[in-house]
């Protein structure tokens, strides 16, 4: 049978999602715990990979097993075996046709930034930080240039393995709450480092280095070297994966 899980994790202590030899990663950590619950080797497939230092509020994975366990065992039993910075939120049986990655219709990310002269000690590793004052309205104007279907080559890592740089960005909202600025992004899929590269470019606009129209020029130029450096991973969260209702997933945390 095939089981889908919702996963939450603090990525600060891990070299990203993907299984790698000799370094801590989320995939191997979760597979080890699930394998102990199942009494057999479990291999999981995720909706998407997150980089070193990136967090998840609701990653989605699936795995196949011939072992029958109560859903509570896949949640509470697995959590008892996981480190404190990784947790299973929910478990749900799905049809064999379901695929955590290929069945996903959209991914939503959030970047949380502290904008003040001094860095945060309490939120270290959980938020990004920028010390200069930012013009949030200018960043909002710049963000509008990115909505819709575009070639996002200017915001793509040189190591990106996606077949095409063309993606559809459905949401890019910027919310300010005191000295906290939150970037909410939703797309059908994201390129490697795409969110962090977009945030970095928006900060260039926000600090006044470029006008909002610069974002349109970057899109048209399709040259990564013309854009801002990749911003820090600390404040980036994979928030939600959207699936068709036919799969019956909880579609929400816990």
Protein backbone atom coordinates (compact mmCIF):
# COMPACT_ATOMS: atom_id res chain seq x y z
CA UNK A 1 0.00 0.00 0.00
CA UNK A 2 1.03 3.61 -0.50
CA UNK A 3 1.12 6.08 2.39
CA UNK A 4 1.46 9.86 2.18
CA UNK A 5 2.91 11.86 5.07
CA UNK A 6 3.01 15.54 5.94
CA UNK A 7 6.39 16.50 7.43
CA UNK A 8 7.65 19.50 9.36
CA UNK A 9 11.33 20.20 9.97
CA UNK A 10 13.90 22.73 11.06
CA UNK A 11 16.56 22.55 8.37
CA UNK A 12 19.26 24.39 10.35
CA UNK A 13 21.21 21.26 11.26
CA UNK A 14 20.89 19.44 7.93
CA UNK A 15 22.54 19.49 4.52
CA UNK A 16 19.16 19.81 2.84
CA UNK A 17 16.50 17.25 2.07
CA UNK A 18 18.25 14.85 -0.28
CA UNK A 19 19.95 11.65 0.82
CA UNK A 20 23.74 12.06 0.87
CA UNK A 21 26.54 9.94 2.32
CA UNK A 22 28.27 11.05 5.51
CA UNK A 23 26.25 14.26 6.07
CA UNK A 24 23.00 14.80 8.01
CA UNK A 25 19.96 15.16 5.77
CA UNK A 26 16.21 15.01 6.25
CA UNK A 27 15.50 12.15 3.85
CA UNK A 28 17.84 9.65 5.49
CA UNK A 29 16.71 10.72 8.96
CA UNK A 30 13.04 10.13 8.16
CA UNK A 31 13.65 6.89 6.25
CA UNK A 32 15.56 5.42 9.18
CA UNK A 33 12.68 6.11 11.58
CA UNK A 34 10.02 4.80 9.21
CA UNK A 35 12.05 1.67 8.55
CA UNK A 36 12.12 0.89 12.27
CA UNK A 37 8.34 1.26 12.50
CA UNK A 38 7.80 -0.92 9.42
CA UNK A 39 10.44 -3.51 10.25
CA UNK A 40 11.68 -3.24 6.66
CA UNK A 41 13.58 -0.71 4.57
CA UNK A 42 11.41 2.23 3.60
CA UNK A 43 12.27 4.54 0.71
CA UNK A 44 10.46 7.88 0.48
CA UNK A 45 9.80 10.33 -2.35
CA UNK A 46 9.21 14.01 -1.55
CA UNK A 47 7.22 16.71 -3.28
CA UNK A 48 10.42 18.72 -3.62
CA UNK A 49 13.95 19.05 -2.30
CA UNK A 50 14.91 21.79 0.10
CA UNK A 51 18.44 23.14 0.38
CA UNK A 52 20.80 23.29 3.33
CA UNK A 53 19.33 25.43 6.10
CA UNK A 54 15.84 25.64 4.55
CA UNK A 55 12.85 24.68 6.72
CA UNK A 56 9.48 23.06 6.02
CA UNK A 57 6.12 23.64 7.65
CA UNK A 58 4.52 20.97 5.47
CA UNK A 59 6.61 18.87 3.14
CA UNK A 60 4.74 15.92 1.60
CA UNK A 61 6.25 12.49 0.95
CA UNK A 62 4.99 9.07 -0.05
CA UNK A 63 6.27 5.52 0.41
CA UNK A 64 5.18 1.99 -0.40
CA UNK A 65 5.02 -0.83 2.11
CA UNK A 66 3.41 -4.20 2.53
CA UNK A 67 3.33 -3.72 6.30
CA UNK A 68 0.00 -2.77 7.84
CA UNK A 69 0.19 -0.28 10.71
CA UNK A 70 -2.42 2.04 12.25
CA UNK A 71 -2.04 5.56 10.89
CA UNK A 72 -1.23 6.69 14.43
CA UNK A 73 1.87 4.48 14.34
CA UNK A 74 3.14 6.23 11.23
CA UNK A 75 2.70 9.54 13.04
CA UNK A 76 3.31 9.16 16.77
CA UNK A 77 5.47 6.06 16.51
CA UNK A 78 7.74 7.63 13.90
CA UNK A 79 7.92 10.89 15.85
CA UNK A 80 9.13 8.98 18.90
CA UNK A 81 12.12 7.85 16.85
CA UNK A 82 12.86 11.15 15.13
CA UNK A 83 15.09 13.94 16.45
CA UNK A 84 13.28 16.96 17.90
CA UNK A 85 13.77 19.05 14.74
CA UNK A 86 11.82 16.68 12.44
CA UNK A 87 8.17 15.65 12.91
CA UNK A 88 5.42 13.80 11.05
CA UNK A 89 2.23 15.91 11.02
CA UNK A 90 -0.19 13.43 9.44
CA UNK A 91 -0.39 10.12 7.59
CA UNK A 92 -2.93 9.20 4.92
CA UNK A 93 -3.36 6.13 2.68
CA UNK A 94 -3.41 7.02 -1.02
CA UNK A 95 -3.98 5.25 -4.33
CA UNK A 96 -0.98 3.75 -6.07
CA UNK A 97 -1.30 6.43 -8.76
CA UNK A 98 -0.51 9.17 -6.26
CA UNK A 99 3.00 10.63 -6.47
CA UNK A 100 4.20 13.22 -3.96
CA UNK A 101 6.15 15.09 -6.63
CA UNK A 102 4.32 14.55 -9.89
CA UNK A 103 0.80 14.79 -8.48
CA UNK A 104 1.53 18.18 -6.90
CA UNK A 105 -0.27 21.09 -8.53
CA UNK A 106 1.55 23.92 -6.73
CA UNK A 107 4.15 24.67 -4.08
CA UNK A 108 4.01 27.54 -1.62
CA UNK A 109 7.03 29.08 0.08
CA UNK A 110 7.43 31.83 2.64
CA UNK A 111 10.52 33.90 3.32
CA UNK A 112 10.64 35.65 6.71
CA UNK A 113 13.00 38.63 6.96
CA UNK A 114 13.97 40.85 9.87
CA UNK A 115 14.67 44.37 8.60
CA UNK A 116 16.50 46.31 11.29
CA UNK A 117 20.08 47.49 11.98
CA UNK A 118 20.99 44.55 14.25
CA UNK A 119 20.64 40.83 13.66
CA UNK A 120 18.31 38.66 15.73
CA UNK A 121 19.67 36.40 18.45
CA UNK A 122 16.36 34.80 19.48
CA UNK A 123 15.40 33.92 15.89
CA UNK A 124 18.89 32.95 14.73
CA UNK A 125 18.68 30.44 11.89
CA UNK A 126 14.91 30.92 11.51
CA UNK A 127 14.80 34.30 9.75
CA UNK A 128 16.78 36.22 7.17
CA UNK A 129 18.21 39.60 8.07
CA UNK A 130 18.81 42.84 6.17
CA UNK A 131 20.24 45.86 7.97
CA UNK A 132 19.34 48.77 5.66
CA UNK A 133 15.84 50.33 5.52
CA UNK A 134 13.68 48.82 2.76
CA UNK A 135 10.97 50.44 0.64
CA UNK A 136 8.29 47.75 0.84
CA UNK A 137 6.00 49.49 -1.64
CA UNK A 138 8.78 49.57 -4.25
CA UNK A 139 9.35 45.85 -3.69
CA UNK A 140 5.63 45.19 -4.16
CA UNK A 141 5.70 47.06 -7.46
CA UNK A 142 8.75 45.06 -8.56
CA UNK A 143 7.09 41.79 -7.57
CA UNK A 144 4.19 42.39 -9.93
CA UNK A 145 6.56 41.98 -12.88
CA UNK A 146 7.17 38.34 -11.93
CA UNK A 147 3.57 37.12 -11.76
CA UNK A 148 2.39 34.76 -14.48
CA UNK A 149 4.26 32.38 -16.78
CA UNK A 150 7.86 33.42 -17.48
CA UNK A 151 11.31 32.14 -18.26
CA UNK A 152 12.97 32.50 -14.85
CA UNK A 153 16.54 31.84 -16.05
CA UNK A 154 17.75 35.02 -14.32
CA UNK A 155 16.65 33.52 -10.99
CA UNK A 156 17.96 30.00 -11.59
CA UNK A 157 21.01 28.41 -9.97
CA UNK A 158 23.72 27.20 -12.33
CA UNK A 159 23.29 23.79 -10.68
CA UNK A 160 19.55 23.63 -11.41
CA UNK A 161 18.50 20.36 -13.08
CA UNK A 162 14.96 21.39 -14.08
CA UNK A 163 14.09 20.53 -17.68
CA UNK A 164 12.75 24.02 -18.37
CA UNK A 165 13.18 27.45 -16.74
CA UNK A 166 9.59 28.37 -17.63
CA UNK A 167 7.40 28.40 -14.52
CA UNK A 168 4.11 30.02 -13.52
CA UNK A 169 4.28 32.24 -10.45
CA UNK A 170 0.72 32.62 -9.14
CA UNK A 171 1.46 34.57 -5.95
CA UNK A 172 4.14 36.95 -4.70
CA UNK A 173 2.76 38.92 -1.76
CA UNK A 174 4.87 41.04 0.57
CA UNK A 175 3.51 41.68 4.06
CA UNK A 176 5.14 43.99 6.62
CA UNK A 177 4.57 43.54 10.36
CA UNK A 178 6.77 46.00 12.23
CA UNK A 179 10.37 45.08 11.44
CA UNK A 180 9.31 41.71 9.99
CA UNK A 181 8.78 41.42 6.22
CA UNK A 182 7.18 38.24 4.90
CA UNK A 183 7.36 37.17 1.25
CA UNK A 184 4.68 34.64 0.20
CA UNK A 185 5.23 32.83 -3.10
CA UNK A 186 3.20 30.15 -4.89
CA UNK A 187 4.06 28.56 -8.24
CA UNK A 188 3.42 25.36 -10.13
CA UNK A 189 7.10 24.56 -9.47
CA UNK A 190 10.28 26.38 -8.48
CA UNK A 191 13.78 26.32 -9.91
CA UNK A 192 16.83 25.67 -7.73
CA UNK A 193 17.43 28.79 -5.55
CA UNK A 194 14.58 30.60 -7.33
CA UNK A 195 12.90 31.95 -4.19
CA UNK A 196 16.15 33.08 -2.57
CA UNK A 197 17.26 34.73 -5.81
CA UNK A 198 13.94 36.55 -6.15
CA UNK A 199 14.16 37.77 -2.55
CA UNK A 200 17.73 38.96 -3.10
CA UNK A 201 16.67 40.96 -6.16
CA UNK A 202 13.67 42.45 -4.38
CA UNK A 203 16.01 43.65 -1.61
CA UNK A 204 18.13 45.42 -4.23
CA UNK A 205 14.98 47.27 -5.28
CA UNK A 206 13.94 47.87 -1.68
CA UNK A 207 17.25 49.50 -0.73
CA UNK A 208 17.08 51.74 -3.80
CA UNK A 209 19.83 50.24 -5.92
CA UNK A 210 17.43 49.61 -8.82
CA UNK A 211 13.89 50.76 -9.72
CA UNK A 212 10.96 48.29 -9.69
CA UNK A 213 11.14 47.98 -13.50
CA UNK A 214 14.53 46.26 -13.10
CA UNK A 215 12.73 42.99 -12.29
CA UNK A 216 11.10 43.05 -15.73
CA UNK A 217 14.50 43.73 -17.32
CA UNK A 218 15.99 40.74 -15.49
CA UNK A 219 13.23 38.47 -16.77
CA UNK A 220 13.78 39.61 -20.32
CA UNK A 221 17.57 39.36 -20.06
CA UNK A 222 17.50 35.77 -18.73
CA UNK A 223 21.04 36.17 -17.36
CA UNK A 224 21.69 35.00 -13.81
CA UNK A 225 24.89 37.06 -13.61
CA UNK A 226 22.87 40.29 -13.92
CA UNK A 227 20.75 39.53 -10.85
CA UNK A 228 21.49 39.88 -7.13
CA UNK A 229 23.40 37.20 -5.21
CA UNK A 230 21.47 34.28 -3.74
CA UNK A 231 20.08 35.37 -0.37
CA UNK A 232 20.54 33.44 2.88
CA UNK A 233 18.49 30.22 3.40
CA UNK A 234 17.67 30.89 7.07
CA UNK A 235 14.25 32.51 6.60
CA UNK A 236 12.95 30.21 3.85
CA UNK A 237 10.08 27.81 4.60
CA UNK A 238 8.31 25.30 2.36
CA UNK A 239 4.78 25.98 3.59
CA UNK A 240 2.36 23.88 1.59
CA UNK A 241 1.97 21.50 -1.35
CA UNK A 242 -1.32 21.67 -3.23
CA UNK A 243 -2.94 18.50 -4.58
CA UNK A 244 -6.21 17.66 -6.26
CA UNK A 245 -8.98 17.01 -3.73
CA UNK A 246 -9.47 13.51 -5.18
CA UNK A 247 -6.46 12.28 -3.20
CA UNK A 248 -8.18 13.15 0.08
CA UNK A 249 -5.10 14.57 1.78
CA UNK A 250 -5.50 16.72 4.88
CA UNK A 251 -4.21 19.79 2.96
CA UNK A 252 -3.25 21.53 6.15
CA UNK A 253 -0.86 21.20 9.06
CA UNK A 254 -1.69 18.48 11.56
